[in-house]
Protein backbone atom coordinates (compact mmCIF):
# COMPACT_ATOMS: atom_id res chain seq x y z
CA MET A 1 234.17 80.06 87.96
CA SER A 2 230.46 79.24 88.44
CA THR A 3 228.34 77.34 85.95
CA ILE A 4 226.51 80.60 85.25
CA GLY A 5 229.49 81.78 83.23
CA ARG A 6 230.11 78.45 81.46
CA ARG A 7 227.04 77.79 79.38
CA ASN A 8 226.99 74.91 76.94
CA PRO A 9 225.55 76.10 73.60
CA LEU A 10 225.02 72.55 72.29
CA PRO A 11 221.45 72.06 73.68
CA TRP A 12 220.34 75.32 72.08
CA LEU A 13 221.96 74.39 68.78
CA VAL A 14 220.09 71.06 68.87
CA LEU A 15 216.80 72.88 69.50
CA ILE A 16 217.45 75.35 66.67
CA LEU A 17 218.35 72.50 64.31
CA ALA A 18 215.16 70.63 65.25
CA MET A 19 213.10 73.75 64.50
CA ALA A 20 214.82 74.10 61.13
CA VAL A 21 214.11 70.45 60.28
CA TYR A 22 210.37 70.71 60.99
CA VAL A 23 209.91 74.11 59.41
CA GLY A 24 211.74 72.76 56.37
CA TRP A 25 209.38 69.77 56.33
CA ALA A 26 206.40 72.13 56.27
CA ALA A 27 207.91 74.30 53.55
CA PHE A 28 209.33 71.58 51.28
CA PRO A 29 207.43 68.33 52.01
CA ALA A 30 208.01 66.94 48.51
CA SER A 31 211.79 67.42 48.52
CA GLY A 32 214.08 64.42 48.38
CA LEU A 33 215.20 64.97 51.96
CA TYR A 34 211.66 64.65 53.32
CA THR A 35 210.54 61.80 51.09
CA GLY A 36 213.71 59.77 51.62
CA VAL A 37 216.02 60.11 54.60
CA LEU A 38 213.66 62.17 56.79
CA ASN A 39 210.35 60.65 55.77
CA PRO A 40 207.20 61.51 57.77
CA HIS A 41 207.40 58.38 59.97
CA ARG A 42 210.99 59.05 60.98
CA LEU A 43 210.16 62.68 61.69
CA LEU A 44 207.22 61.61 63.85
CA VAL A 45 209.49 59.26 65.82
CA LEU A 46 212.11 62.01 66.16
CA ALA A 47 209.50 64.47 67.40
CA SER A 48 208.26 61.96 69.94
CA ALA A 49 211.79 61.31 71.21
CA LEU A 50 212.63 65.01 71.49
CA LYS A 51 209.42 65.73 73.39
CA LEU A 52 210.09 62.89 75.83
CA VAL A 53 213.67 63.99 76.45
CA TYR A 54 212.76 67.65 77.01
CA LEU A 55 209.79 66.87 79.24
CA LEU A 56 211.66 64.37 81.40
CA ALA A 57 214.63 66.72 81.74
CA ALA A 58 212.36 69.66 82.59
CA ALA A 59 210.48 67.64 85.23
CA ALA A 60 213.73 66.39 86.79
CA TRP A 61 215.33 69.85 86.86
CA ALA A 62 212.19 71.44 88.29
CA PHE A 63 212.16 68.83 91.06
CA GLN A 64 215.84 69.49 91.78
CA CYS A 65 215.02 73.20 92.04
CA ARG A 66 212.43 72.29 94.65
CA ASP A 67 215.03 70.28 96.59
CA ARG A 68 217.53 73.14 96.46
CA LEU A 69 215.10 75.52 98.17
CA GLU A 70 214.92 75.47 101.93
CA ALA A 71 211.83 74.22 103.75
CA GLY A 72 209.33 77.03 104.17
CA ASN A 73 210.38 78.84 101.01
CA PRO A 74 207.10 79.76 99.23
CA ALA A 75 208.65 78.91 95.85
CA ARG A 76 209.36 75.32 96.91
CA PRO A 77 205.79 73.97 96.35
CA ALA A 78 205.60 75.90 93.08
CA TRP A 79 208.57 74.05 91.60
CA PHE A 80 207.20 70.76 92.93
CA LEU A 81 203.84 71.38 91.23
CA LEU A 82 205.62 72.41 88.04
CA SER A 83 207.61 69.17 88.14
CA LEU A 84 204.42 67.12 88.59
CA GLY A 85 202.68 68.95 85.74
CA LEU A 86 205.59 68.31 83.40
CA LEU A 87 205.81 64.69 84.53
CA SER A 88 202.10 64.24 83.77
CA THR A 89 202.68 65.70 80.29
CA PHE A 90 205.62 63.32 79.88
CA ALA A 91 203.35 60.39 80.82
CA GLY A 92 200.88 61.49 78.15
CA GLN A 93 203.58 61.65 75.49
CA LEU A 94 204.92 58.27 76.65
CA CYS A 95 201.47 56.75 76.04
CA LEU A 96 201.55 58.00 72.45
CA ALA A 97 205.13 56.95 71.71
CA PRO A 98 204.42 53.23 70.93
CA PHE A 99 201.73 54.16 68.41
CA GLN A 100 203.99 56.72 66.78
CA LEU A 101 206.93 54.33 66.66
CA ALA A 102 205.15 51.18 65.49
CA ARG A 103 202.09 52.44 63.61
CA ASN A 104 203.11 55.90 62.42
CA GLU A 105 199.98 57.41 63.97
CA THR A 106 198.93 59.60 66.88
CA PRO A 107 195.58 58.34 68.23
CA PHE A 108 193.10 60.92 69.47
CA PRO A 109 191.41 60.68 71.84
CA SER A 110 193.45 58.15 73.81
CA VAL A 111 194.59 57.32 77.33
CA ALA A 112 197.30 59.95 76.84
CA ASP A 113 194.65 62.65 77.13
CA ILE A 114 194.03 61.66 80.76
CA PHE A 115 197.57 62.71 81.63
CA TYR A 116 197.50 65.80 79.41
CA VAL A 117 194.31 67.06 81.03
CA LEU A 118 195.62 66.29 84.52
CA SER A 119 198.74 68.34 83.82
CA TYR A 120 196.81 71.61 83.48
CA PRO A 121 195.57 71.97 87.08
CA LEU A 122 199.12 71.21 88.24
CA LEU A 123 200.73 73.75 85.90
CA ILE A 124 198.16 76.43 86.70
CA ALA A 125 198.60 75.78 90.45
CA ALA A 126 202.38 76.02 90.00
CA LEU A 127 202.12 79.43 88.35
CA VAL A 128 199.70 80.69 91.00
CA ALA A 129 202.08 79.45 93.72
CA LEU A 130 204.94 81.30 92.03
CA LEU A 131 202.88 84.48 92.02
CA ASN A 132 202.31 84.02 95.74
CA ALA A 133 206.04 83.43 96.26
CA TYR A 134 206.93 86.64 94.45
CA ARG A 135 204.31 88.54 96.43
CA GLU A 136 205.76 87.27 99.71
CA ALA A 137 209.25 88.16 98.50
CA GLY A 138 208.13 91.76 98.08
CA PHE A 139 207.99 91.96 94.29
CA PRO A 140 205.42 94.50 93.11
CA LEU A 141 202.56 92.61 91.52
CA GLY A 142 200.40 95.71 91.27
CA SER A 143 197.24 96.60 93.09
CA THR A 144 194.16 94.40 93.04
CA GLY A 145 192.66 96.72 90.45
CA GLU A 146 195.74 96.56 88.24
CA ARG A 147 195.82 92.76 88.40
CA ALA A 148 192.12 92.60 87.61
CA ALA A 149 192.64 94.92 84.63
CA ILE A 150 195.49 92.75 83.30
CA LEU A 151 193.38 89.61 83.61
CA ALA A 152 190.42 91.31 81.94
CA VAL A 153 192.53 92.53 79.00
CA VAL A 154 194.13 89.10 78.54
CA GLY A 155 190.71 87.44 78.77
CA VAL A 156 189.21 89.72 76.14
CA ILE A 157 192.17 89.31 73.76
CA ALA A 158 192.12 85.54 74.26
CA ALA A 159 188.39 85.43 73.54
CA ILE A 160 188.81 87.52 70.39
CA VAL A 161 191.52 85.15 69.15
CA ALA A 162 189.98 81.90 70.36
CA VAL A 163 186.31 82.23 69.37
CA PRO A 164 186.91 82.28 65.59
CA ILE A 165 189.19 79.25 66.02
CA LEU A 166 186.98 77.27 68.38
CA ARG A 167 183.71 77.79 66.49
CA PRO A 168 184.62 75.61 63.47
CA VAL A 169 186.33 73.14 65.81
CA ALA A 170 183.15 72.74 67.87
CA GLU A 171 180.98 72.34 64.78
CA VAL A 172 182.98 69.49 63.24
CA GLU A 173 181.22 66.11 63.32
CA GLY A 174 182.86 63.28 65.21
CA PRO A 175 182.90 61.32 68.47
CA LEU A 176 181.67 63.37 71.41
CA LEU A 177 184.79 62.78 73.52
CA GLY A 178 187.05 63.91 70.72
CA ARG A 179 185.04 67.09 70.18
CA VAL A 180 184.97 67.85 73.91
CA LEU A 181 188.73 67.43 74.24
CA THR A 182 189.42 69.44 71.11
CA VAL A 183 187.58 72.40 72.64
CA ALA A 184 188.77 71.73 76.21
CA TYR A 185 192.49 72.03 75.46
CA PRO A 186 192.34 75.61 74.13
CA ILE A 187 190.09 76.61 77.05
CA LEU A 188 192.55 75.13 79.54
CA ASP A 189 195.33 77.00 77.75
CA LEU A 190 193.44 80.27 78.10
CA LEU A 191 193.18 79.62 81.85
CA LEU A 192 196.92 78.97 81.90
CA LEU A 193 197.54 82.32 80.19
CA LEU A 194 195.95 84.27 83.05
CA PRO A 195 198.65 83.66 85.71
CA LEU A 196 201.24 83.84 82.92
CA ALA A 197 200.14 87.40 82.18
CA LEU A 198 200.63 88.38 85.82
CA LEU A 199 204.02 86.65 85.96
CA LEU A 200 205.05 88.56 82.84
CA ARG A 201 204.83 91.77 84.88
CA VAL A 202 207.36 90.34 87.32
CA ALA A 203 209.58 89.01 84.51
CA LEU A 204 209.73 92.42 82.85
CA ARG A 205 210.92 93.95 86.12
CA LEU A 206 213.65 91.31 86.27
CA ARG A 207 214.80 91.77 82.67
CA GLY A 208 218.54 91.83 82.26
CA SER A 209 219.10 89.63 85.31
CA HIS A 210 219.72 85.89 85.55
CA ALA A 211 216.28 85.45 87.16
CA GLY A 212 214.73 87.42 84.32
CA GLU A 213 216.29 85.01 81.83
CA VAL A 214 214.75 82.07 83.68
CA TRP A 215 211.28 83.55 83.51
CA LEU A 216 211.64 84.65 79.93
CA LEU A 217 212.41 81.05 78.93
CA LEU A 218 209.59 79.60 81.04
CA LEU A 219 206.95 82.11 80.02
CA VAL A 220 207.74 81.91 76.30
CA GLY A 221 207.75 78.12 76.61
CA PHE A 222 204.27 78.13 78.13
CA VAL A 223 203.00 80.54 75.48
CA PHE A 224 204.19 78.14 72.78
CA LEU A 225 202.50 75.29 74.66
CA CYS A 226 199.23 77.17 74.43
CA ALA A 227 199.84 77.91 70.75
CA GLY A 228 200.60 74.23 70.09
CA ASP A 229 197.36 73.07 71.69
CA ILE A 230 195.29 75.61 69.78
CA CYS A 231 196.98 74.68 66.49
CA PHE A 232 196.52 70.98 67.20
CA ALA A 233 192.81 71.45 67.95
CA TYR A 234 192.26 73.49 64.82
CA PHE A 235 194.30 71.39 62.40
CA GLN A 236 193.09 68.06 63.85
CA SER A 237 189.40 68.94 63.65
CA LEU A 238 189.65 70.31 60.12
CA GLY A 239 191.82 67.46 58.84
CA MET A 240 194.84 69.63 57.99
CA GLU A 241 197.45 66.92 58.51
CA HIS A 242 199.86 68.69 56.16
CA LEU A 243 200.34 71.31 58.89
CA ASP A 244 201.48 68.71 61.46
CA PRO A 245 205.13 69.88 61.12
CA PHE A 246 204.17 73.23 62.64
CA VAL A 247 202.42 71.47 65.54
CA HIS A 248 205.48 69.29 66.23
CA ALA A 249 207.81 72.30 65.99
CA THR A 250 205.66 74.32 68.40
CA TYR A 251 205.56 71.58 71.04
CA ILE A 252 209.28 70.80 70.73
CA LEU A 253 210.12 74.49 71.08
CA SER A 254 207.78 74.81 74.07
CA TYR A 255 209.21 71.83 75.95
CA GLY A 256 212.78 72.82 75.05
CA LEU A 257 212.34 76.36 76.39
CA ILE A 258 210.66 75.16 79.59
CA ALA A 259 213.48 72.66 80.12
CA GLY A 260 216.00 75.43 79.49
CA GLY A 261 214.31 77.69 82.03
CA ALA A 262 214.23 74.96 84.69
CA HIS A 263 217.89 74.15 84.08
CA ARG A 264 218.85 77.82 84.25
CA GLN A 265 217.06 78.15 87.60
CA LEU A 266 218.87 75.08 88.90
CA GLU A 267 222.20 76.64 87.88
CA LEU A 268 221.30 79.79 89.82
CA LEU A 269 220.44 77.77 92.90
CA LYS A 270 223.71 75.84 92.68
CA SER A 271 225.88 78.95 92.23
């Protein structure tokens, strides 16, 4: 029996439990559970650990997917770029971990932002390479006009959603670098959404299949990554620290789903 039929539910139960913990923290911050056993510092340390584990696992599994593909396969460089992008994000989180562990704080801006910013070109290039791989494999990506229409619609929707959020963020007083990064992250996320929208067309055609499950996990994970960055920018600039639980939950869910998608793909390649 292949590993495809023997899935371990434990990782998903852990992810669901983590979501429940952080949503509960947001909903009931003054309860005994969140002022005693799971105080804010311990929850920050837990969030940091979960992010590191998911990111490192996702990067390792993506790299193994690359190794499982034969030389010349157009998807091989895509998985390699995805692995590098996730590893760069891991490096950024690793830079923050000592501050979160020892000082109960998340400095911004910091050296971690170098790695976070570097991850975006790698992730975007990975998604574009995957689009090219699907095109070479004969999957219908639509005509040039259809793809342009999809990108235009996504761009307009993203602008409608982002402008009201970014305007107050850009107007907040503070160090120039911090303000630039606060606006840059949502913009980079919007660029990431463009190839995601085109990949969604492929994923919908694969729905119900094992490959469709892989892309559902990856695409939803990247969408939550974008949502996490936008929420972080908005809450950070406006000083809404009480909403940090939602930011942690969004990032943990994002990294967990991406790791799950990479692991699912590796299982398919091993079967």
